[in-house]
Amino acid sequence: MPSLFGLFGNDDRRRPTRARTSPPMAPQRRYELPRAEPPRASMPAPRRTHRPGDREVSWRFRGMVALAVLGVTGILGGGIALYRSDALRVRVIDVGGVQVADAQAVADASKVAGSSMLTLDLTGSARAVEQLPAVKSATVTRDWPQGIRIEITEYQAWGYWQAGSERLVIDETGRVLQQSRPPVGDAPTIVEVPSGGTTQNVAADADTVRLVHRMRTDGTFDRLGVKPTSYVFRRDRGLTVLVSGAPAAVFGDSSNYDFKVRTWQALMEQVRAGKVPQVQAPAQVSAAQPRAGTASTVQEIDLRFGRNVVLR
């Protein structure tokens, strides 16, 4: 029977061979090396994406900031240069309202000559001018670019306060004026009569001056139909108003002014109507023959004691 090897064209018959014996092999050991992790590739940083208008906006903002800084610097530099320059220095001082005061003294007192127009202390200059004797009030204003206008109001004398040979010029508040515009032609004179001895340290009584000023301006004398001829003041009894052809009125001070005026007016109406009682005059004694006191008309109305009016 043909072998299978012959079917394929090879009739070589393999003879069983004697198995070769080999020495026993040592058992093999298997070693596994630690796996090395592959190096990680460094990730590139994410690139910033710019929008189309970012670069333009950034440069525009920086340009605006730079221009603002340059503008502020220019303004400051220009202001400093202008302050130091002579372009805005006071060169002209115009003084108005002067009649008795010295215009040069007013300009000197203001202390504005050569000062910068930008830093003038107008209020301080006005107060300095008001320290002059003739100046009652003052205002200082700028007249650009190099001028100053000073407008003053001078003291106006109202009348006189006379004590002995000393005659003081006063205003309507009793302030003694060292320099002022002169009083008007019919200015009043308040004569101080010493209460005892000689008068020292002459000073106008402010309440009395205001009292006379009020009577002269509120129409009191016109309502009473009297014409004052003199104003007499004594420290112990106050003001006495002497009038022409009528009894004098002792006012004292300005307290209860309205009541005193109404009482004086009522009594003057009675005097004119002949209804005021006669007062007893002091007895007159002659060397030949003494005689009793005789009745006399009222010479003085004392209004200092409220309803207790005293007729003398």
C-alpha atoms as a PDB file:
ATOM      1  CA  MET A   1       0.000   0.000   0.000  1.00  0.00           C
ATOM      2  CA  PRO A   2       1.448   3.095  -1.097  1.00  0.00           C
ATOM      3  CA  SER A   3       2.246   5.538   1.621  1.00  0.00           C
ATOM      4  CA  LEU A   4       0.957   8.911   1.827  1.00  0.00           C
ATOM      5  CA  PHE A   5       4.402  10.240   1.178  1.00  0.00           C
ATOM      6  CA  GLY A   6       4.346   8.690  -2.207  1.00  0.00           C
ATOM      7  CA  LEU A   7       1.293  10.378  -3.250  1.00  0.00           C
ATOM      8  CA  PHE A   8       3.057  13.623  -3.124  1.00  0.00           C
ATOM      9  CA  GLY A   9       5.993  12.424  -5.150  1.00  0.00           C
ATOM     10  CA  ASN A  10       8.288  11.662  -2.300  1.00  0.00           C
ATOM     11  CA  ASP A  11       8.633   8.027  -1.460  1.00  0.00           C
ATOM     12  CA  ASP A  12      11.270   8.682   1.062  1.00  0.00           C
ATOM     13  CA  ARG A  13      10.236   6.801   3.948  1.00  0.00           C
ATOM     14  CA  ARG A  14      11.082   8.191   7.236  1.00  0.00           C
ATOM     15  CA  ARG A  15      12.357   5.691   9.553  1.00  0.00           C
ATOM     16  CA  PRO A  16      11.660   6.087  13.111  1.00  0.00           C
ATOM     17  CA  THR A  17      14.776   7.356  14.683  1.00  0.00           C
ATOM     18  CA  ARG A  18      15.937   6.781  18.058  1.00  0.00           C
ATOM     19  CA  ALA A  19      14.937   9.547  20.263  1.00  0.00           C
ATOM     20  CA  ARG A  20      17.788  11.539  21.419  1.00  0.00           C
ATOM     21  CA  THR A  21      17.946  12.206  25.036  1.00  0.00           C
ATOM     22  CA  SER A  22      19.093  15.672  26.112  1.00  0.00           C
ATOM     23  CA  PRO A  23      20.086  16.723  29.514  1.00  0.00           C
ATOM     24  CA  PRO A  24      17.351  18.277  31.543  1.00  0.00           C
ATOM     25  CA  MET A  25      17.119  22.069  31.134  1.00  0.00           C
ATOM     26  CA  ALA A  26      17.151  24.381  34.091  1.00  0.00           C
ATOM     27  CA  PRO A  27      13.853  25.985  34.746  1.00  0.00           C
ATOM     28  CA  GLN A  28      13.598  29.387  33.100  1.00  0.00           C
ATOM     29  CA  ARG A  29      12.750  32.440  35.094  1.00  0.00           C
ATOM     30  CA  ARG A  30      10.806  35.278  33.600  1.00  0.00           C
ATOM     31  CA  TYR A  31      11.643  38.801  34.558  1.00  0.00           C
ATOM     32  CA  GLU A  32       9.416  41.722  33.661  1.00  0.00           C
ATOM     33  CA  LEU A  33      11.080  45.099  33.487  1.00  0.00           C
ATOM     34  CA  PRO A  34       9.082  48.115  34.695  1.00  0.00           C
ATOM     35  CA  ARG A  35       7.477  49.834  31.864  1.00  0.00           C
ATOM     36  CA  ALA A  36       8.862  53.308  31.244  1.00  0.00           C
ATOM     37  CA  GLU A  37       6.170  55.763  30.631  1.00  0.00           C
ATOM     38  CA  PRO A  38       6.638  57.526  27.395  1.00  0.00           C
ATOM     39  CA  PRO A  39       7.676  61.155  27.800  1.00  0.00           C
ATOM     40  CA  ARG A  40       4.763  63.473  27.706  1.00  0.00           C
ATOM     41  CA  ALA A  41       4.905  66.027  25.078  1.00  0.00           C
ATOM     42  CA  SER A  42       4.772  69.572  26.536  1.00  0.00           C
ATOM     43  CA  MET A  43       1.532  71.206  25.602  1.00  0.00           C
ATOM     44  CA  PRO A  44       2.010  74.593  23.992  1.00  0.00           C
ATOM     45  CA  ALA A  45       0.473  77.526  25.869  1.00  0.00           C
ATOM     46  CA  PRO A  46      -2.812  78.562  24.426  1.00  0.00           C
ATOM     47  CA  ARG A  47      -2.332  81.406  22.137  1.00  0.00           C
ATOM     48  CA  ARG A  48      -4.358  84.541  22.849  1.00  0.00           C
ATOM     49  CA  THR A  49      -6.692  85.288  20.133  1.00  0.00           C
ATOM     50  CA  HIS A  50      -7.136  88.933  19.300  1.00  0.00           C
ATOM     51  CA  ARG A  51     -10.279  90.286  17.991  1.00  0.00           C
ATOM     52  CA  PRO A  52      -9.966  92.494  14.967  1.00  0.00           C
ATOM     53  CA  GLY A  53     -10.605  95.735  16.925  1.00  0.00           C
ATOM     54  CA  ASP A  54      -8.567  94.996  20.075  1.00  0.00           C
ATOM     55  CA  ARG A  55      -5.258  96.365  18.884  1.00  0.00           C
ATOM     56  CA  GLU A  56      -6.913  99.479  17.502  1.00  0.00           C
ATOM     57  CA  VAL A  57      -8.862 100.155  20.753  1.00  0.00           C
ATOM     58  CA  SER A  58      -5.764  99.651  22.916  1.00  0.00           C
ATOM     59  CA  TRP A  59      -3.684 102.130  20.974  1.00  0.00           C
ATOM     60  CA  ARG A  60      -6.551 104.576  20.861  1.00  0.00           C
ATOM     61  CA  PHE A  61      -6.946 104.450  24.646  1.00  0.00           C
ATOM     62  CA  ARG A  62      -3.236 104.907  25.175  1.00  0.00           C
ATOM     63  CA  GLY A  63      -3.250 107.848  22.828  1.00  0.00           C
ATOM     64  CA  MET A  64      -6.135 109.478  24.651  1.00  0.00           C
ATOM     65  CA  VAL A  65      -4.376 109.060  28.012  1.00  0.00           C
ATOM     66  CA  ALA A  66      -1.188 110.522  26.600  1.00  0.00           C
ATOM     67  CA  LEU A  67      -3.039 113.494  25.166  1.00  0.00           C
ATOM     68  CA  ALA A  68      -4.826 114.087  28.482  1.00  0.00           C
ATOM     69  CA  VAL A  69      -1.540 114.035  30.383  1.00  0.00           C
ATOM     70  CA  LEU A  70       0.015 116.413  27.884  1.00  0.00           C
ATOM     71  CA  GLY A  71      -3.013 118.716  28.132  1.00  0.00           C
ATOM     72  CA  VAL A  72      -2.939 118.875  31.928  1.00  0.00           C
ATOM     73  CA  THR A  73       0.803 119.415  31.901  1.00  0.00           C
ATOM     74  CA  GLY A  74       0.416 122.191  29.366  1.00  0.00           C
ATOM     75  CA  ILE A  75      -2.308 123.895  31.376  1.00  0.00           C
ATOM     76  CA  LEU A  76      -0.278 123.735  34.578  1.00  0.00           C
ATOM     77  CA  GLY A  77       2.832 124.951  32.851  1.00  0.00           C
ATOM     78  CA  GLY A  78       0.942 127.759  31.157  1.00  0.00           C
ATOM     79  CA  GLY A  79      -0.714 128.790  34.416  1.00  0.00           C
ATOM     80  CA  ILE A  80       2.612 128.920  36.223  1.00  0.00           C
ATOM     81  CA  ALA A  81       4.175 130.905  33.403  1.00  0.00           C
ATOM     82  CA  LEU A  82       1.204 133.273  33.341  1.00  0.00           C
ATOM     83  CA  TYR A  83       1.338 133.714  37.117  1.00  0.00           C
ATOM     84  CA  ARG A  84       5.031 134.590  37.013  1.00  0.00           C
ATOM     85  CA  SER A  85       4.731 136.881  34.041  1.00  0.00           C
ATOM     86  CA  ASP A  86       3.728 140.538  34.075  1.00  0.00           C
ATOM     87  CA  ALA A  87       0.759 140.031  31.769  1.00  0.00           C
ATOM     88  CA  LEU A  88      -1.727 139.775  34.670  1.00  0.00           C
ATOM     89  CA  ARG A  89      -0.140 142.073  37.239  1.00  0.00           C
ATOM     90  CA  VAL A  90      -2.013 145.002  38.781  1.00  0.00           C
ATOM     91  CA  ARG A  91      -0.842 148.132  37.020  1.00  0.00           C
ATOM     92  CA  VAL A  92      -3.887 150.441  37.312  1.00  0.00           C
ATOM     93  CA  ILE A  93      -5.826 151.283  40.505  1.00  0.00           C
ATOM     94  CA  ASP A  94      -9.007 153.332  40.112  1.00  0.00           C
ATOM     95  CA  VAL A  95     -10.475 154.848  43.311  1.00  0.00           C
ATOM     96  CA  GLY A  96     -14.068 156.108  43.382  1.00  0.00           C
ATOM     97  CA  GLY A  97     -16.261 157.834  45.967  1.00  0.00           C
ATOM     98  CA  VAL A  98     -13.453 160.022  47.284  1.00  0.00           C
ATOM     99  CA  GLN A  99     -14.334 163.449  48.622  1.00  0.00           C
ATOM    100  CA  VAL A 100     -12.318 163.995  51.788  1.00  0.00           C
ATOM    101  CA  ALA A 101     -10.113 160.887  51.824  1.00  0.00           C
ATOM    102  CA  ASP A 102      -6.782 160.780  50.015  1.00  0.00           C
ATOM    103  CA  ALA A 103      -7.051 158.605  46.890  1.00  0.00           C
ATOM    104  CA  GLN A 104      -3.358 157.703  47.047  1.00  0.00           C
ATOM    105  CA  ALA A 105      -3.733 156.659  50.675  1.00  0.00           C
ATOM    106  CA  VAL A 106      -6.666 154.433  49.674  1.00  0.00           C
ATOM    107  CA  ALA A 107      -4.616 152.801  46.904  1.00  0.00           C
ATOM    108  CA  ASP A 108      -1.658 152.265  49.225  1.00  0.00           C
ATOM    109  CA  ALA A 109      -3.853 150.789  51.962  1.00  0.00           C
ATOM    110  CA  SER A 110      -5.282 148.178  49.573  1.00  0.00           C
ATOM    111  CA  LYS A 111      -1.780 146.701  48.985  1.00  0.00           C
ATOM    112  CA  VAL A 112      -2.680 145.359  45.549  1.00  0.00           C
ATOM    113  CA  ALA A 113      -0.123 147.166  43.371  1.00  0.00           C
ATOM    114  CA  GLY A 114       2.000 144.651  41.470  1.00  0.00           C
ATOM    115  CA  SER A 115       0.034 141.635  42.722  1.00  0.00           C
ATOM    116  CA  SER A 116      -1.212 138.888  40.428  1.00  0.00           C
ATOM    117  CA  MET A 117      -4.773 139.336  39.252  1.00  0.00           C
ATOM    118  CA  LEU A 118      -5.305 135.601  39.751  1.00  0.00           C
ATOM    119  CA  THR A 119      -4.553 135.502  43.475  1.00  0.00           C
ATOM    120  CA  LEU A 120      -5.899 138.809  44.785  1.00  0.00           C
ATOM    121  CA  ASP A 121      -7.575 138.804  48.202  1.00  0.00           C
ATOM    122  CA  LEU A 122     -10.340 141.280  47.438  1.00  0.00           C
ATOM    123  CA  THR A 123     -12.022 140.947  50.844  1.00  0.00           C
ATOM    124  CA  GLY A 124      -8.778 141.486  52.723  1.00  0.00           C
ATOM    125  CA  SER A 125      -7.950 144.533  50.617  1.00  0.00           C
ATOM    126  CA  ALA A 126     -11.372 146.057  51.290  1.00  0.00           C
ATOM    127  CA  ARG A 127     -10.972 145.548  55.046  1.00  0.00           C
ATOM    128  CA  ALA A 128      -7.574 147.209  54.938  1.00  0.00           C
ATOM    129  CA  VAL A 129      -9.044 150.240  53.166  1.00  0.00           C
ATOM    130  CA  GLU A 130     -11.834 150.469  55.765  1.00  0.00           C
ATOM    131  CA  GLN A 131      -9.226 151.100  58.459  1.00  0.00           C
ATOM    132  CA  LEU A 132      -8.690 154.612  57.106  1.00  0.00           C
ATOM    133  CA  PRO A 133     -10.359 157.298  59.280  1.00  0.00           C
ATOM    134  CA  ALA A 134     -12.622 158.702  56.561  1.00  0.00           C
ATOM    135  CA  VAL A 135     -13.722 155.374  55.046  1.00  0.00           C
ATOM    136  CA  LYS A 136     -16.955 153.817  56.271  1.00  0.00           C
ATOM    137  CA  SER A 137     -17.027 150.916  53.802  1.00  0.00           C
ATOM    138  CA  ALA A 138     -15.141 149.766  50.699  1.00  0.00           C
ATOM    139  CA  THR A 139     -15.439 147.278  47.865  1.00  0.00           C
ATOM    140  CA  VAL A 140     -12.591 146.030  45.672  1.00  0.00           C
ATOM    141  CA  THR A 141     -13.209 144.457  42.261  1.00  0.00           C
ATOM    142  CA  ARG A 142     -11.045 143.307  39.346  1.00  0.00           C
ATOM    143  CA  ASP A 143     -10.909 145.280  36.120  1.00  0.00           C
ATOM    144  CA  TRP A 144      -9.232 142.870  33.688  1.00  0.00           C
ATOM    145  CA  PRO A 145      -6.566 142.511  32.554  1.00  0.00           C
ATOM    146  CA  GLN A 146      -4.442 144.738  34.801  1.00  0.00           C
ATOM    147  CA  GLY A 147      -6.824 147.006  36.715  1.00  0.00           C
ATOM    148  CA  ILE A 148      -8.437 147.225  40.150  1.00  0.00           C
ATOM    149  CA  ARG A 149     -11.508 149.274  41.057  1.00  0.00           C
ATOM    150  CA  ILE A 150     -11.862 150.498  44.664  1.00  0.00           C
ATOM    151  CA  GLU A 151     -15.189 152.081  45.543  1.00  0.00           C
ATOM    152  CA  ILE A 152     -15.468 153.668  49.000  1.00  0.00           C
ATOM    153  CA  THR A 153     -18.218 155.184  51.097  1.00  0.00           C
ATOM    154  CA  GLU A 154     -17.019 157.969  53.367  1.00  0.00           C
ATOM    155  CA  TYR A 155     -18.368 158.835  56.780  1.00  0.00           C
ATOM    156  CA  GLN A 156     -20.997 161.538  56.719  1.00  0.00           C
ATOM    157  CA  ALA A 157     -21.056 163.781  59.766  1.00  0.00           C
ATOM    158  CA  TRP A 158     -24.487 164.223  61.332  1.00  0.00           C
ATOM    159  CA  GLY A 159     -23.931 166.863  63.988  1.00  0.00           C
ATOM    160  CA  TYR A 160     -21.830 168.001  66.929  1.00  0.00           C
ATOM    161  CA  TRP A 161     -21.350 167.115  70.558  1.00  0.00           C
ATOM    162  CA  GLN A 162     -20.097 170.069  72.536  1.00  0.00           C
ATOM    163  CA  ALA A 163     -18.790 170.100  76.090  1.00  0.00           C
ATOM    164  CA  GLY A 164     -17.324 173.410  77.139  1.00  0.00           C
ATOM    165  CA  SER A 165     -14.851 174.494  74.523  1.00  0.00           C
ATOM    166  CA  GLU A 166     -14.466 171.037  73.051  1.00  0.00           C
ATOM    167  CA  ARG A 167     -16.551 170.301  69.987  1.00  0.00           C
ATOM    168  CA  LEU A 168     -16.739 166.781  68.552  1.00  0.00           C
ATOM    169  CA  VAL A 169     -17.995 165.815  65.101  1.00  0.00           C
ATOM    170  CA  ILE A 170     -20.316 162.803  65.327  1.00  0.00           C
ATOM    171  CA  ASP A 171     -22.492 160.646  63.091  1.00  0.00           C
ATOM    172  CA  GLU A 172     -26.088 159.607  63.761  1.00  0.00           C
ATOM    173  CA  THR A 173     -24.963 156.720  65.986  1.00  0.00           C
ATOM    174  CA  GLY A 174     -22.807 158.863  68.290  1.00  0.00           C
ATOM    175  CA  ARG A 175     -19.521 157.767  66.738  1.00  0.00           C
ATOM    176  CA  VAL A 176     -16.847 160.431  66.983  1.00  0.00           C
ATOM    177  CA  LEU A 177     -15.412 161.057  63.521  1.00  0.00           C
ATOM    178  CA  GLN A 178     -11.810 161.998  62.993  1.00  0.00           C
ATOM    179  CA  GLN A 179     -12.282 162.641  59.278  1.00  0.00           C
ATOM    180  CA  SER A 180     -15.571 162.789  57.393  1.00  0.00           C
ATOM    181  CA  ARG A 181     -17.750 164.771  55.086  1.00  0.00           C
ATOM    182  CA  PRO A 182     -19.036 167.896  56.854  1.00  0.00           C
ATOM    183  CA  PRO A 183     -22.532 168.019  58.408  1.00  0.00           C
ATOM    184  CA  VAL A 184     -25.380 169.730  56.597  1.00  0.00           C
ATOM    185  CA  GLY A 185     -26.235 173.354  57.288  1.00  0.00           C
ATOM    186  CA  ASP A 186     -28.918 172.729  59.934  1.00  0.00           C
ATOM    187  CA  ALA A 187     -26.930 170.041  61.735  1.00  0.00           C
ATOM    188  CA  PRO A 188     -27.896 169.727  65.431  1.00  0.00           C
ATOM    189  CA  THR A 189     -25.577 170.415  68.316  1.00  0.00           C
ATOM    190  CA  ILE A 190     -26.033 168.552  71.591  1.00  0.00           C
ATOM    191  CA  VAL A 191     -24.619 170.586  74.454  1.00  0.00           C
ATOM    192  CA  GLU A 192     -23.400 168.672  77.473  1.00  0.00           C
ATOM    193  CA  VAL A 193     -23.813 170.589  80.716  1.00  0.00           C
ATOM    194  CA  PRO A 194     -21.673 169.279  83.551  1.00  0.00           C
ATOM    195  CA  SER A 195     -23.631 167.906  86.487  1.00  0.00           C
ATOM    196  CA  GLY A 196     -21.059 169.208  88.909  1.00  0.00           C
ATOM    197  CA  GLY A 197     -17.603 170.616  88.443  1.00  0.00           C
ATOM    198  CA  THR A 198     -15.864 170.457  85.087  1.00  0.00           C
ATOM    199  CA  THR A 199     -16.449 167.850  82.411  1.00  0.00           C
ATOM    200  CA  GLN A 200     -13.593 165.444  81.819  1.00  0.00           C
ATOM    201  CA  ASN A 201     -13.080 162.772  79.172  1.00  0.00           C
ATOM    202  CA  VAL A 202     -15.638 164.200  76.795  1.00  0.00           C
ATOM    203  CA  ALA A 203     -17.558 161.474  74.955  1.00  0.00           C
ATOM    204  CA  ALA A 204     -20.851 161.542  73.131  1.00  0.00           C
ATOM    205  CA  ASP A 205     -23.710 159.593  74.674  1.00  0.00           C
ATOM    206  CA  ALA A 206     -24.833 157.211  71.933  1.00  0.00           C
ATOM    207  CA  ASP A 207     -28.392 156.773  73.252  1.00  0.00           C
ATOM    208  CA  THR A 208     -28.951 160.515  73.362  1.00  0.00           C
ATOM    209  CA  VAL A 209     -27.619 160.988  69.831  1.00  0.00           C
ATOM    210  CA  ARG A 210     -29.883 158.270  68.467  1.00  0.00           C
ATOM    211  CA  LEU A 211     -32.833 159.774  70.370  1.00  0.00           C
ATOM    212  CA  VAL A 212     -32.327 163.215  68.819  1.00  0.00           C
ATOM    213  CA  HIS A 213     -31.819 161.669  65.376  1.00  0.00           C
ATOM    214  CA  ARG A 214     -35.105 159.747  65.714  1.00  0.00           C
ATOM    215  CA  MET A 215     -37.091 162.808  66.723  1.00  0.00           C
ATOM    216  CA  ARG A 216     -35.672 164.799  63.812  1.00  0.00           C
ATOM    217  CA  THR A 217     -36.444 162.114  61.217  1.00  0.00           C
ATOM    218  CA  ASP A 218     -39.790 160.569  62.282  1.00  0.00           C
ATOM    219  CA  GLY A 219     -41.828 163.776  62.127  1.00  0.00           C
ATOM    220  CA  THR A 220     -42.236 164.271  65.894  1.00  0.00           C
ATOM    221  CA  PHE A 221     -41.637 168.010  65.835  1.00  0.00           C
ATOM    222  CA  ASP A 222     -43.997 168.468  62.913  1.00  0.00           C
ATOM    223  CA  ARG A 223     -46.804 166.612  64.702  1.00  0.00           C
ATOM    224  CA  LEU A 224     -46.290 168.669  67.848  1.00  0.00           C
ATOM    225  CA  GLY A 225     -46.044 171.915  65.902  1.00  0.00           C
ATOM    226  CA  VAL A 226     -42.864 172.956  67.713  1.00  0.00           C
ATOM    227  CA  LYS A 227     -39.426 174.027  66.598  1.00  0.00           C
ATOM    228  CA  PRO A 228     -36.492 172.833  68.681  1.00  0.00           C
ATOM    229  CA  THR A 229     -33.918 175.462  69.540  1.00  0.00           C
ATOM    230  CA  SER A 230     -31.420 173.450  71.575  1.00  0.00           C
ATOM    231  CA  TYR A 231     -30.621 169.989  72.888  1.00  0.00           C
ATOM    232  CA  VAL A 232     -29.149 169.898  76.394  1.00  0.00           C
ATOM    233  CA  PHE A 233     -27.663 166.814  78.012  1.00  0.00           C
ATOM    234  CA  ARG A 234     -26.745 166.179  81.623  1.00  0.00           C
ATOM    235  CA  ARG A 235     -25.384 162.918  82.925  1.00  0.00           C
ATOM    236  CA  ASP A 236     -27.816 162.936  85.858  1.00  0.00           C
ATOM    237  CA  ARG A 237     -31.034 163.685  83.937  1.00  0.00           C
ATOM    238  CA  GLY A 238     -30.431 162.885  80.284  1.00  0.00           C
ATOM    239  CA  LEU A 239     -31.791 164.864  77.359  1.00  0.00           C
ATOM    240  CA  THR A 240     -33.844 168.052  77.527  1.00  0.00           C
ATOM    241  CA  VAL A 241     -35.328 169.481  74.330  1.00  0.00           C
ATOM    242  CA  LEU A 242     -35.776 173.270  74.310  1.00  0.00           C
ATOM    243  CA  VAL A 243     -38.415 174.525  71.894  1.00  0.00           C
ATOM    244  CA  SER A 244     -39.464 177.979  70.772  1.00  0.00           C
ATOM    245  CA  GLY A 245     -42.536 179.466  72.514  1.00  0.00           C
ATOM    246  CA  ALA A 246     -43.415 176.293  74.457  1.00  0.00           C
ATOM    247  CA  PRO A 247     -42.309 174.406  77.592  1.00  0.00           C
ATOM    248  CA  ALA A 248     -39.122 172.371  77.357  1.00  0.00           C
ATOM    249  CA  ALA A 249     -39.433 168.578  77.452  1.00  0.00           C
ATOM    250  CA  VAL A 250     -37.184 166.437  79.633  1.00  0.00           C
ATOM    251  CA  PHE A 251     -36.921 163.085  77.854  1.00  0.00           C
ATOM    252  CA  GLY A 252     -34.121 161.526  79.855  1.00  0.00           C
ATOM    253  CA  ASP A 253     -33.340 158.560  77.582  1.00  0.00           C
ATOM    254  CA  SER A 254     -34.964 156.725  74.679  1.00  0.00           C
ATOM    255  CA  SER A 255     -37.004 154.301  76.825  1.00  0.00           C
ATOM    256  CA  ASN A 256     -40.818 154.462  76.394  1.00  0.00           C
ATOM    257  CA  TYR A 257     -40.285 156.722  73.449  1.00  0.00           C
ATOM    258  CA  ASP A 258     -43.772 156.456  71.942  1.00  0.00           C
ATOM    259  CA  PHE A 259     -45.493 157.050  75.295  1.00  0.00           C
ATOM    260  CA  LYS A 260     -43.361 160.111  75.996  1.00  0.00           C
ATOM    261  CA  VAL A 261     -44.128 161.594  72.584  1.00  0.00           C
ATOM    262  CA  ARG A 262     -47.899 161.022  72.959  1.00  0.00           C
ATOM    263  CA  THR A 263     -47.885 162.559  76.443  1.00  0.00           C
ATOM    264  CA  TRP A 264     -45.908 165.544  75.253  1.00  0.00           C
ATOM    265  CA  GLN A 265     -48.318 166.051  72.353  1.00  0.00           C
ATOM    266  CA  ALA A 266     -51.397 165.886  74.644  1.00  0.00           C
ATOM    267  CA  LEU A 267     -49.886 168.403  77.058  1.00  0.00           C
ATOM    268  CA  MET A 268     -48.947 170.762  74.245  1.00  0.00           C
ATOM    269  CA  GLU A 269     -52.564 170.753  73.080  1.00  0.00           C
ATOM    270  CA  GLN A 270     -53.672 171.655  76.616  1.00  0.00           C
ATOM    271  CA  VAL A 271     -51.059 174.387  76.848  1.00  0.00           C
ATOM    272  CA  ARG A 272     -52.302 175.963  73.632  1.00  0.00           C
ATOM    273  CA  ALA A 273     -55.906 175.698  74.889  1.00  0.00           C
ATOM    274  CA  GLY A 274     -54.938 177.278  78.223  1.00  0.00           C
ATOM    275  CA  LYS A 275     -55.991 174.211  80.199  1.00  0.00           C
ATOM    276  CA  VAL A 276     -52.657 173.467  81.827  1.00  0.00           C
ATOM    277  CA  PRO A 277     -52.719 174.625  85.471  1.00  0.00           C
ATOM    278  CA  GLN A 278     -50.380 177.326  86.580  1.00  0.00           C
ATOM    279  CA  VAL A 279     -47.380 176.276  88.630  1.00  0.00           C
ATOM    280  CA  GLN A 280     -46.143 178.114  91.680  1.00  0.00           C
ATOM    281  CA  ALA A 281     -42.940 179.930  91.030  1.00  0.00           C
ATOM    282  CA  PRO A 282     -40.404 180.296  93.828  1.00  0.00           C
ATOM    283  CA  ALA A 283     -40.892 183.288  96.130  1.00  0.00           C
ATOM    284  CA  GLN A 284     -38.922 186.334  95.166  1.00  0.00           C
ATOM    285  CA  VAL A 285     -37.393 188.241  98.020  1.00  0.00           C
ATOM    286  CA  SER A 286     -36.310 191.835  97.635  1.00  0.00           C
ATOM    287  CA  ALA A 287     -34.376 193.960 100.019  1.00  0.00           C
ATOM    288  CA  ALA A 288     -37.318 196.348 100.450  1.00  0.00           C
ATOM    289  CA  GLN A 289     -40.268 194.038 100.879  1.00  0.00           C
ATOM    290  CA  PRO A 290     -40.639 190.229 100.719  1.00  0.00           C
ATOM    291  CA  ARG A 291     -43.549 188.863  98.771  1.00  0.00           C
ATOM    292  CA  ALA A 292     -45.072 185.471  98.272  1.00  0.00           C
ATOM    293  CA  GLY A 293     -44.473 183.299  95.220  1.00  0.00           C
ATOM    294  CA  THR A 294     -46.601 184.057  92.212  1.00  0.00           C
ATOM    295  CA  ALA A 295     -48.259 181.775  89.681  1.00  0.00           C
ATOM    296  CA  SER A 296     -46.301 181.182  86.506  1.00  0.00           C
ATOM    297  CA  THR A 297     -46.794 179.342  83.273  1.00  0.00           C
ATOM    298  CA  VAL A 298     -45.276 175.916  82.774  1.00  0.00           C
ATOM    299  CA  GLN A 299     -41.663 176.128  81.715  1.00  0.00           C
ATOM    300  CA  GLU A 300     -40.735 172.455  81.675  1.00  0.00           C
ATOM    301  CA  ILE A 301     -42.477 169.094  81.183  1.00  0.00           C
ATOM    302  CA  ASP A 302     -40.627 166.197  82.760  1.00  0.00           C
ATOM    303  CA  LEU A 303     -41.481 162.934  80.994  1.00  0.00           C
ATOM    304  CA  ARG A 304     -38.989 160.656  82.705  1.00  0.00           C
ATOM    305  CA  PHE A 305     -41.356 159.076  85.249  1.00  0.00           C
ATOM    306  CA  GLY A 306     -44.007 157.400  83.115  1.00  0.00           C
ATOM    307  CA  ARG A 307     -47.557 158.518  84.002  1.00  0.00           C
ATOM    308  CA  ASN A 308     -46.236 160.708  86.792  1.00  0.00           C
ATOM    309  CA  VAL A 309     -45.599 163.701  84.587  1.00  0.00           C
ATOM    310  CA  VAL A 310     -43.982 166.608  86.386  1.00  0.00           C
ATOM    311  CA  LEU A 311     -44.687 170.202  85.358  1.00  0.00           C
ATOM    312  CA  ARG A 312     -42.293 172.924  86.384  1.00  0.00           C
END
